[in-house]
PDB file of N, CA and C in Angstrom:
ATOM      1  N   MET A   1      -3.308   2.865 -78.120  1.00  0.00           N
ATOM      2  CA  MET A   1      -2.945   4.102 -77.465  1.00  0.00           C
ATOM      3  C   MET A   1      -1.546   4.519 -77.892  1.00  0.00           C
ATOM      4  N   THR A   2      -1.404   5.793 -78.103  1.00  0.00           N
ATOM      5  CA  THR A   2      -0.087   6.317 -78.445  1.00  0.00           C
ATOM      6  C   THR A   2       0.417   7.173 -77.293  1.00  0.00           C
ATOM      7  N   ALA A   3       1.675   7.086 -77.036  1.00  0.00           N
ATOM      8  CA  ALA A   3       2.280   7.884 -75.978  1.00  0.00           C
ATOM      9  C   ALA A   3       2.425   9.319 -76.460  1.00  0.00           C
ATOM     10  N   LYS A   4       2.156  10.234 -75.558  1.00  0.00           N
ATOM     11  CA  LYS A   4       2.287  11.645 -75.900  1.00  0.00           C
ATOM     12  C   LYS A   4       3.766  12.005 -76.021  1.00  0.00           C
ATOM     13  N   LYS A   5       4.122  12.594 -77.136  1.00  0.00           N
ATOM     14  CA  LYS A   5       5.510  12.972 -77.383  1.00  0.00           C
ATOM     15  C   LYS A   5       5.792  14.313 -76.704  1.00  0.00           C
ATOM     16  N   SER A   6       6.819  14.352 -75.883  1.00  0.00           N
ATOM     17  CA  SER A   6       7.155  15.600 -75.203  1.00  0.00           C
ATOM     18  C   SER A   6       8.031  16.458 -76.107  1.00  0.00           C
ATOM     19  N   ARG A   7       7.932  17.749 -75.905  1.00  0.00           N
ATOM     20  CA  ARG A   7       8.716  18.681 -76.704  1.00  0.00           C
ATOM     21  C   ARG A   7      10.133  18.770 -76.164  1.00  0.00           C
ATOM     22  N   ARG A   8      11.060  18.868 -77.071  1.00  0.00           N
ATOM     23  CA  ARG A   8      12.445  19.031 -76.662  1.00  0.00           C
ATOM     24  C   ARG A   8      12.653  20.445 -76.150  1.00  0.00           C
ATOM     25  N   GLN A   9      13.515  20.574 -75.186  1.00  0.00           N
ATOM     26  CA  GLN A   9      13.872  21.883 -74.667  1.00  0.00           C
ATOM     27  C   GLN A   9      15.364  22.085 -74.867  1.00  0.00           C
ATOM     28  N   PHE A  10      15.724  23.288 -75.278  1.00  0.00           N
ATOM     29  CA  PHE A  10      17.110  23.594 -75.576  1.00  0.00           C
ATOM     30  C   PHE A  10      17.632  24.620 -74.576  1.00  0.00           C
ATOM     31  N   THR A  11      18.875  24.474 -74.197  1.00  0.00           N
ATOM     32  CA  THR A  11      19.487  25.424 -73.273  1.00  0.00           C
ATOM     33  C   THR A  11      19.788  26.728 -73.995  1.00  0.00           C
ATOM     34  N   ALA A  12      19.970  27.765 -73.200  1.00  0.00           N
ATOM     35  CA  ALA A  12      20.328  29.068 -73.764  1.00  0.00           C
ATOM     36  C   ALA A  12      21.682  28.992 -74.462  1.00  0.00           C
ATOM     37  N   GLU A  13      22.590  28.202 -73.916  1.00  0.00           N
ATOM     38  CA  GLU A  13      23.914  28.063 -74.517  1.00  0.00           C
ATOM     39  C   GLU A  13      23.816  27.438 -75.905  1.00  0.00           C
ATOM     40  N   PHE A  14      22.978  26.395 -76.017  1.00  0.00           N
ATOM     41  CA  PHE A  14      22.811  25.728 -77.303  1.00  0.00           C
ATOM     42  C   PHE A  14      22.182  26.678 -78.321  1.00  0.00           C
ATOM     43  N   LYS A  15      21.143  27.397 -77.901  1.00  0.00           N
ATOM     44  CA  LYS A  15      20.471  28.336 -78.802  1.00  0.00           C
ATOM     45  C   LYS A  15      21.440  29.403 -79.296  1.00  0.00           C
ATOM     46  N   SER A  16      22.228  29.950 -78.364  1.00  0.00           N
ATOM     47  CA  SER A  16      23.161  31.001 -78.774  1.00  0.00           C
ATOM     48  C   SER A  16      24.243  30.457 -79.689  1.00  0.00           C
ATOM     49  N   LYS A  17      24.692  29.235 -79.426  1.00  0.00           N
ATOM     50  CA  LYS A  17      25.711  28.625 -80.288  1.00  0.00           C
ATOM     51  C   LYS A  17      25.202  28.473 -81.718  1.00  0.00           C
ATOM     52  N   VAL A  18      23.998  27.937 -81.862  1.00  0.00           N
ATOM     53  CA  VAL A  18      23.418  27.723 -83.195  1.00  0.00           C
ATOM     54  C   VAL A  18      23.152  29.063 -83.876  1.00  0.00           C
ATOM     55  N   ALA A  19      22.599  30.021 -83.126  1.00  0.00           N
ATOM     56  CA  ALA A  19      22.293  31.339 -83.701  1.00  0.00           C
ATOM     57  C   ALA A  19      23.568  32.040 -84.164  1.00  0.00           C
ATOM     58  N   LEU A  20      24.631  31.941 -83.377  1.00  0.00           N
ATOM     59  CA  LEU A  20      25.904  32.558 -83.777  1.00  0.00           C
ATOM     60  C   LEU A  20      26.464  31.905 -85.029  1.00  0.00           C
ATOM     61  N   GLU A  21      26.380  30.594 -85.092  1.00  0.00           N
ATOM     62  CA  GLU A  21      26.845  29.901 -86.299  1.00  0.00           C
ATOM     63  C   GLU A  21      26.056  30.352 -87.515  1.00  0.00           C
ATOM     64  N   ALA A  22      24.759  30.533 -87.347  1.00  0.00           N
ATOM     65  CA  ALA A  22      23.923  30.976 -88.465  1.00  0.00           C
ATOM     66  C   ALA A  22      24.279  32.396 -88.871  1.00  0.00           C
ATOM     67  N   LEU A  23      24.540  33.259 -87.898  1.00  0.00           N
ATOM     68  CA  LEU A  23      24.900  34.643 -88.210  1.00  0.00           C
ATOM     69  C   LEU A  23      26.264  34.745 -88.876  1.00  0.00           C
ATOM     70  N   GLN A  24      27.182  33.871 -88.507  1.00  0.00           N
ATOM     71  CA  GLN A  24      28.519  33.902 -89.088  1.00  0.00           C
ATOM     72  C   GLN A  24      28.500  33.504 -90.558  1.00  0.00           C
ATOM     73  N   GLY A  25      27.506  32.735 -90.947  1.00  0.00           N
ATOM     74  CA  GLY A  25      27.365  32.381 -92.349  1.00  0.00           C
ATOM     75  C   GLY A  25      28.307  31.303 -92.843  1.00  0.00           C
ATOM     76  N   LYS A  26      28.956  30.600 -91.964  1.00  0.00           N
ATOM     77  CA  LYS A  26      29.853  29.525 -92.387  1.00  0.00           C
ATOM     78  C   LYS A  26      29.079  28.311 -92.880  1.00  0.00           C
ATOM     79  N   ALA A  27      27.812  28.206 -92.443  1.00  0.00           N
ATOM     80  CA  ALA A  27      26.941  27.116 -92.893  1.00  0.00           C
ATOM     81  C   ALA A  27      25.545  27.692 -93.086  1.00  0.00           C
ATOM     82  N   THR A  28      24.799  27.138 -94.007  1.00  0.00           N
ATOM     83  CA  THR A  28      23.435  27.614 -94.245  1.00  0.00           C
ATOM     84  C   THR A  28      22.524  27.113 -93.129  1.00  0.00           C
ATOM     85  N   GLN A  29      21.356  27.738 -93.028  1.00  0.00           N
ATOM     86  CA  GLN A  29      20.395  27.308 -92.026  1.00  0.00           C
ATOM     87  C   GLN A  29      19.967  25.872 -92.275  1.00  0.00           C
ATOM     88  N   SER A  30      19.882  25.498 -93.532  1.00  0.00           N
ATOM     89  CA  SER A  30      19.521  24.131 -93.872  1.00  0.00           C
ATOM     90  C   SER A  30      20.573  23.146 -93.360  1.00  0.00           C
ATOM     91  N   GLU A  31      21.836  23.493 -93.551  1.00  0.00           N
ATOM     92  CA  GLU A  31      22.916  22.632 -93.066  1.00  0.00           C
ATOM     93  C   GLU A  31      22.911  22.543 -91.543  1.00  0.00           C
ATOM     94  N   LEU A  32      22.704  23.691 -90.904  1.00  0.00           N
ATOM     95  CA  LEU A  32      22.663  23.703 -89.443  1.00  0.00           C
ATOM     96  C   LEU A  32      21.478  22.904 -88.911  1.00  0.00           C
ATOM     97  N   SER A  33      20.348  23.021 -89.589  1.00  0.00           N
ATOM     98  CA  SER A  33      19.166  22.285 -89.127  1.00  0.00           C
ATOM     99  C   SER A  33      19.386  20.781 -89.236  1.00  0.00           C
ATOM    100  N   LYS A  34      20.072  20.347 -90.262  1.00  0.00           N
ATOM    101  CA  LYS A  34      20.388  18.918 -90.390  1.00  0.00           C
ATOM    102  C   LYS A  34      21.417  18.488 -89.355  1.00  0.00           C
ATOM    103  N   ARG A  35      22.431  19.317 -89.154  1.00  0.00           N
ATOM    104  CA  ARG A  35      23.503  18.984 -88.219  1.00  0.00           C
ATOM    105  C   ARG A  35      22.967  18.831 -86.794  1.00  0.00           C
ATOM    106  N   TYR A  36      22.080  19.746 -86.395  1.00  0.00           N
ATOM    107  CA  TYR A  36      21.575  19.741 -85.017  1.00  0.00           C
ATOM    108  C   TYR A  36      20.182  19.118 -84.883  1.00  0.00           C
ATOM    109  N   ALA A  37      19.621  18.634 -85.983  1.00  0.00           N
ATOM    110  CA  ALA A  37      18.297  17.983 -85.992  1.00  0.00           C
ATOM    111  C   ALA A  37      17.215  18.888 -85.402  1.00  0.00           C
ATOM    112  N   ILE A  38      17.191  20.127 -85.900  1.00  0.00           N
ATOM    113  CA  ILE A  38      16.161  21.083 -85.488  1.00  0.00           C
ATOM    114  C   ILE A  38      15.575  21.724 -86.738  1.00  0.00           C
ATOM    115  N   HIS A  39      14.398  22.281 -86.588  1.00  0.00           N
ATOM    116  CA  HIS A  39      13.720  22.901 -87.725  1.00  0.00           C
ATOM    117  C   HIS A  39      14.393  24.233 -88.071  1.00  0.00           C
ATOM    118  N   PRO A  40      14.517  24.557 -89.366  1.00  0.00           N
ATOM    119  CA  PRO A  40      15.154  25.816 -89.770  1.00  0.00           C
ATOM    120  C   PRO A  40      14.446  27.054 -89.209  1.00  0.00           C
ATOM    121  N   ASN A  41      13.131  26.953 -88.992  1.00  0.00           N
ATOM    122  CA  ASN A  41      12.412  28.102 -88.422  1.00  0.00           C
ATOM    123  C   ASN A  41      12.890  28.418 -87.007  1.00  0.00           C
ATOM    124  N   LEU A  42      13.271  27.392 -86.261  1.00  0.00           N
ATOM    125  CA  LEU A  42      13.821  27.627 -84.920  1.00  0.00           C
ATOM    126  C   LEU A  42      15.106  28.435 -85.005  1.00  0.00           C
ATOM    127  N   ILE A  43      15.931  28.079 -85.952  1.00  0.00           N
ATOM    128  CA  ILE A  43      17.189  28.806 -86.127  1.00  0.00           C
ATOM    129  C   ILE A  43      16.905  30.264 -86.460  1.00  0.00           C
ATOM    130  N   SER A  44      15.930  30.503 -87.321  1.00  0.00           N
ATOM    131  CA  SER A  44      15.552  31.881 -87.664  1.00  0.00           C
ATOM    132  C   SER A  44      15.083  32.644 -86.436  1.00  0.00           C
ATOM    133  N   GLU A  45      14.263  32.005 -85.607  1.00  0.00           N
ATOM    134  CA  GLU A  45      13.761  32.661 -84.393  1.00  0.00           C
ATOM    135  C   GLU A  45      14.901  32.978 -83.441  1.00  0.00           C
ATOM    136  N   TRP A  46      15.808  32.023 -83.242  1.00  0.00           N
ATOM    137  CA  TRP A  46      16.924  32.235 -82.330  1.00  0.00           C
ATOM    138  C   TRP A  46      17.857  33.320 -82.834  1.00  0.00           C
ATOM    139  N   LYS A  47      18.075  33.344 -84.146  1.00  0.00           N
ATOM    140  CA  LYS A  47      18.923  34.367 -84.756  1.00  0.00           C
ATOM    141  C   LYS A  47      18.302  35.749 -84.539  1.00  0.00           C
ATOM    142  N   LYS A  48      17.017  35.852 -84.787  1.00  0.00           N
ATOM    143  CA  LYS A  48      16.304  37.120 -84.611  1.00  0.00           C
ATOM    144  C   LYS A  48      16.375  37.574 -83.150  1.00  0.00           C
ATOM    145  N   ALA A  49      16.151  36.653 -82.217  1.00  0.00           N
ATOM    146  CA  ALA A  49      16.207  36.985 -80.793  1.00  0.00           C
ATOM    147  C   ALA A  49      17.606  37.448 -80.398  1.00  0.00           C
ATOM    148  N   LEU A  50      18.626  36.797 -80.936  1.00  0.00           N
ATOM    149  CA  LEU A  50      20.004  37.179 -80.633  1.00  0.00           C
ATOM    150  C   LEU A  50      20.296  38.596 -81.116  1.00  0.00           C
ATOM    151  N   VAL A  51      19.902  38.898 -82.327  1.00  0.00           N
ATOM    152  CA  VAL A  51      20.155  40.233 -82.887  1.00  0.00           C
ATOM    153  C   VAL A  51      19.380  41.296 -82.116  1.00  0.00           C
ATOM    154  N   GLU A  52      18.124  41.001 -81.768  1.00  0.00           N
ATOM    155  CA  GLU A  52      17.288  41.988 -81.081  1.00  0.00           C
ATOM    156  C   GLU A  52      17.742  42.237 -79.647  1.00  0.00           C
ATOM    157  N   ASN A  53      18.382  41.269 -79.024  1.00  0.00           N
ATOM    158  CA  ASN A  53      18.731  41.401 -77.612  1.00  0.00           C
ATOM    159  C   ASN A  53      20.225  41.531 -77.339  1.00  0.00           C
ATOM    160  N   CYS A  54      21.042  41.598 -78.368  1.00  0.00           N
ATOM    161  CA  CYS A  54      22.491  41.648 -78.151  1.00  0.00           C
ATOM    162  C   CYS A  54      22.919  42.934 -77.438  1.00  0.00           C
ATOM    163  N   HIS A  55      22.148  44.013 -77.546  1.00  0.00           N
ATOM    164  CA  HIS A  55      22.515  45.266 -76.887  1.00  0.00           C
ATOM    165  C   HIS A  55      22.482  45.135 -75.367  1.00  0.00           C
ATOM    166  N   ARG A  56      21.751  44.172 -74.841  1.00  0.00           N
ATOM    167  CA  ARG A  56      21.638  43.996 -73.389  1.00  0.00           C
ATOM    168  C   ARG A  56      22.947  43.543 -72.751  1.00  0.00           C
ATOM    169  N   ILE A  57      23.822  43.011 -73.549  1.00  0.00           N
ATOM    170  CA  ILE A  57      25.119  42.573 -73.024  1.00  0.00           C
ATOM    171  C   ILE A  57      25.862  43.754 -72.427  1.00  0.00           C
ATOM    172  N   PHE A  58      25.709  44.921 -73.017  1.00  0.00           N
ATOM    173  CA  PHE A  58      26.464  46.087 -72.596  1.00  0.00           C
ATOM    174  C   PHE A  58      25.694  47.009 -71.668  1.00  0.00           C
ATOM    175  N   ASP A  59      24.432  46.669 -71.342  1.00  0.00           N
ATOM    176  CA  ASP A  59      23.627  47.518 -70.466  1.00  0.00           C
ATOM    177  C   ASP A  59      24.156  47.552 -69.042  1.00  0.00           C
ATOM    178  N   ASP A  60      24.413  46.407 -68.469  1.00  0.00           N
ATOM    179  CA  ASP A  60      24.810  46.310 -67.075  1.00  0.00           C
ATOM    180  C   ASP A  60      26.208  45.702 -66.999  1.00  0.00           C
ATOM    181  N   PRO A  61      27.164  46.438 -66.433  1.00  0.00           N
ATOM    182  CA  PRO A  61      28.515  45.894 -66.372  1.00  0.00           C
ATOM    183  C   PRO A  61      28.623  44.666 -65.462  1.00  0.00           C
ATOM    184  N   HIS A  62      27.671  44.496 -64.553  1.00  0.00           N
ATOM    185  CA  HIS A  62      27.674  43.358 -63.638  1.00  0.00           C
ATOM    186  C   HIS A  62      26.316  42.662 -63.664  1.00  0.00           C
ATOM    187  N   PRO A  63      26.016  41.960 -64.746  1.00  0.00           N
ATOM    188  CA  PRO A  63      24.708  41.311 -64.824  1.00  0.00           C
ATOM    189  C   PRO A  63      24.558  40.245 -63.752  1.00  0.00           C
ATOM    190  N   GLY A  64      23.366  40.174 -63.214  1.00  0.00           N
ATOM    191  CA  GLY A  64      23.070  39.150 -62.238  1.00  0.00           C
ATOM    192  C   GLY A  64      23.271  39.575 -60.797  1.00  0.00           C
ATOM    193  N   ILE A  65      23.912  40.723 -60.570  1.00  0.00           N
ATOM    194  CA  ILE A  65      24.141  41.155 -59.195  1.00  0.00           C
ATOM    195  C   ILE A  65      22.812  41.525 -58.538  1.00  0.00           C
ATOM    196  N   ASP A  66      21.947  42.232 -59.256  1.00  0.00           N
ATOM    197  CA  ASP A  66      20.643  42.583 -58.696  1.00  0.00           C
ATOM    198  C   ASP A  66      19.834  41.337 -58.386  1.00  0.00           C
ATOM    199  N   ALA A  67      19.863  40.382 -59.277  1.00  0.00           N
ATOM    200  CA  ALA A  67      19.128  39.138 -59.055  1.00  0.00           C
ATOM    201  C   ALA A  67      19.694  38.404 -57.846  1.00  0.00           C
ATOM    202  N   ARG A  68      21.010  38.416 -57.707  1.00  0.00           N
ATOM    203  CA  ARG A  68      21.643  37.755 -56.562  1.00  0.00           C
ATOM    204  C   ARG A  68      21.258  38.452 -55.257  1.00  0.00           C
ATOM    205  N   ASP A  69      21.264  39.797 -55.278  1.00  0.00           N
ATOM    206  CA  ASP A  69      20.881  40.554 -54.084  1.00  0.00           C
ATOM    207  C   ASP A  69      19.428  40.288 -53.701  1.00  0.00           C
ATOM    208  N   LYS A  70      18.555  40.218 -54.697  1.00  0.00           N
ATOM    209  CA  LYS A  70      17.144  39.929 -54.418  1.00  0.00           C
ATOM    210  C   LYS A  70      16.990  38.541 -53.815  1.00  0.00           C
ATOM    211  N   LYS A  71      17.742  37.586 -54.330  1.00  0.00           N
ATOM    212  CA  LYS A  71      17.687  36.219 -53.812  1.00  0.00           C
ATOM    213  C   LYS A  71      18.187  36.178 -52.373  1.00  0.00           C
ATOM    214  N   ILE A  72      19.255  36.903 -52.092  1.00  0.00           N
ATOM    215  CA  ILE A  72      19.792  36.959 -50.730  1.00  0.00           C
ATOM    216  C   ILE A  72      18.767  37.569 -49.791  1.00  0.00           C
ATOM    217  N   ASP A  73      18.111  38.653 -50.207  1.00  0.00           N
ATOM    218  CA  ASP A  73      17.086  39.286 -49.381  1.00  0.00           C
ATOM    219  C   ASP A  73      15.931  38.332 -49.106  1.00  0.00           C
ATOM    220  N   ALA A  74      15.484  37.623 -50.136  1.00  0.00           N
ATOM    221  CA  ALA A  74      14.378  36.688 -49.970  1.00  0.00           C
ATOM    222  C   ALA A  74      14.758  35.562 -49.019  1.00  0.00           C
ATOM    223  N   LEU A  75      15.972  35.043 -49.152  1.00  0.00           N
ATOM    224  CA  LEU A  75      16.420  33.967 -48.267  1.00  0.00           C
ATOM    225  C   LEU A  75      16.588  34.457 -46.831  1.00  0.00           C
ATOM    226  N   THR A  76      17.048  35.686 -46.661  1.00  0.00           N
ATOM    227  CA  THR A  76      17.186  36.255 -45.321  1.00  0.00           C
ATOM    228  C   THR A  76      15.824  36.396 -44.653  1.00  0.00           C
ATOM    229  N   LYS A  77      14.829  36.873 -45.401  1.00  0.00           N
ATOM    230  CA  LYS A  77      13.467  36.994 -44.852  1.00  0.00           C
ATOM    231  C   LYS A  77      12.920  35.623 -44.480  1.00  0.00           C
ATOM    232  N   GLU A  78      13.152  34.647 -45.346  1.00  0.00           N
ATOM    233  CA  GLU A  78      12.673  33.294 -45.061  1.00  0.00           C
ATOM    234  C   GLU A  78      13.357  32.732 -43.810  1.00  0.00           C
ATOM    235  N   LYS A  79      14.641  32.977 -43.666  1.00  0.00           N
ATOM    236  CA  LYS A  79      15.380  32.520 -42.488  1.00  0.00           C
ATOM    237  C   LYS A  79      14.818  33.162 -41.225  1.00  0.00           C
ATOM    238  N   ASP A  80      14.535  34.465 -41.288  1.00  0.00           N
ATOM    239  CA  ASP A  80      13.976  35.162 -40.130  1.00  0.00           C
ATOM    240  C   ASP A  80      12.616  34.593 -39.735  1.00  0.00           C
ATOM    241  N   LEU A  81      11.775  34.303 -40.723  1.00  0.00           N
ATOM    242  CA  LEU A  81      10.469  33.715 -40.426  1.00  0.00           C
ATOM    243  C   LEU A  81      10.609  32.330 -39.798  1.00  0.00           C
ATOM    244  N   LEU A  82      11.531  31.542 -40.304  1.00  0.00           N
ATOM    245  CA  LEU A  82      11.754  30.211 -39.742  1.00  0.00           C
ATOM    246  C   LEU A  82      12.281  30.294 -38.308  1.00  0.00           C
ATOM    247  N   GLU A  83      13.139  31.267 -38.045  1.00  0.00           N
ATOM    248  CA  GLU A  83      13.648  31.458 -36.684  1.00  0.00           C
ATOM    249  C   GLU A  83      12.518  31.846 -35.741  1.00  0.00           C
ATOM    250  N   GLN A  84      11.599  32.695 -36.218  1.00  0.00           N
ATOM    251  CA  GLN A  84      10.445  33.067 -35.407  1.00  0.00           C
ATOM    252  C   GLN A  84       9.593  31.847 -35.087  1.00  0.00           C
ATOM    253  N   ASP A  85       9.391  31.002 -36.094  1.00  0.00           N
ATOM    254  CA  ASP A  85       8.610  29.783 -35.880  1.00  0.00           C
ATOM    255  C   ASP A  85       9.282  28.878 -34.848  1.00  0.00           C
ATOM    256  N   VAL A  86      10.587  28.714 -34.952  1.00  0.00           N
ATOM    257  CA  VAL A  86      11.325  27.862 -34.015  1.00  0.00           C
ATOM    258  C   VAL A  86      11.212  28.417 -32.600  1.00  0.00           C
ATOM    259  N   ASN A  87      11.385  29.726 -32.454  1.00  0.00           N
ATOM    260  CA  ASN A  87      11.298  30.343 -31.124  1.00  0.00           C
ATOM    261  C   ASN A  87       9.897  30.190 -30.536  1.00  0.00           C
ATOM    262  N   PHE A  88       8.887  30.364 -31.359  1.00  0.00           N
ATOM    263  CA  PHE A  88       7.505  30.193 -30.901  1.00  0.00           C
ATOM    264  C   PHE A  88       7.283  28.764 -30.407  1.00  0.00           C
ATOM    265  N   LEU A  89       7.739  27.793 -31.202  1.00  0.00           N
ATOM    266  CA  LEU A  89       7.554  26.398 -30.824  1.00  0.00           C
ATOM    267  C   LEU A  89       8.349  26.040 -29.561  1.00  0.00           C
ATOM    268  N   LYS A  90       9.526  26.613 -29.414  1.00  0.00           N
ATOM    269  CA  LYS A  90      10.310  26.367 -28.203  1.00  0.00           C
ATOM    270  C   LYS A  90       9.556  26.852 -26.970  1.00  0.00           C
ATOM    271  N   LYS A  91       8.950  28.043 -27.056  1.00  0.00           N
ATOM    272  CA  LYS A  91       8.199  28.594 -25.930  1.00  0.00           C
ATOM    273  C   LYS A  91       7.000  27.712 -25.600  1.00  0.00           C
ATOM    274  N   LYS A  92       6.271  27.295 -26.641  1.00  0.00           N
ATOM    275  CA  LYS A  92       5.061  26.514 -26.432  1.00  0.00           C
ATOM    276  C   LYS A  92       5.368  25.105 -25.941  1.00  0.00           C
ATOM    277  N   LEU A  93       6.466  24.549 -26.376  1.00  0.00           N
ATOM    278  CA  LEU A  93       6.787  23.172 -26.024  1.00  0.00           C
ATOM    279  C   LEU A  93       7.709  23.045 -24.810  1.00  0.00           C
ATOM    280  N   SER A  94       8.213  24.157 -24.289  1.00  0.00           N
ATOM    281  CA  SER A  94       9.166  24.088 -23.172  1.00  0.00           C
ATOM    282  C   SER A  94       8.607  23.367 -21.948  1.00  0.00           C
ATOM    283  N   PRO A  95       7.316  23.472 -21.617  1.00  0.00           N
ATOM    284  CA  PRO A  95       6.826  22.711 -20.460  1.00  0.00           C
ATOM    285  C   PRO A  95       6.866  21.195 -20.681  1.00  0.00           C
ATOM    286  N   TYR A  96       6.862  20.777 -21.917  1.00  0.00           N
ATOM    287  CA  TYR A  96       6.825  19.346 -22.232  1.00  0.00           C
ATOM    288  C   TYR A  96       8.225  18.739 -22.408  1.00  0.00           C
ATOM    289  N   LEU A  97       9.215  19.575 -22.462  1.00  0.00           N
ATOM    290  CA  LEU A  97      10.573  19.061 -22.687  1.00  0.00           C
ATOM    291  C   LEU A  97      11.321  18.834 -21.404  1.00  0.00           C
TER     292      LEU A  97
END
């Protein structure tokens, strides 16, 4: 039996670092692939993604605020539901306490 090999996962920071190095041209993709032990095609994909999505940096002056607000709203709703559950249980269990 052979153990199933899991795929490596790379952080966004690592991908952007490698893609930027490739775009700067200080080292070839072959050199970068050897240095970071990744396939050159990955570097090409990351470089392409960086170029295609770099305009998004300037779209929103405060990125993440909408996501933070949505998270706060979701947590507030969850808190309200939990409070309702607690109040219901307090009413039902009050004769036993």
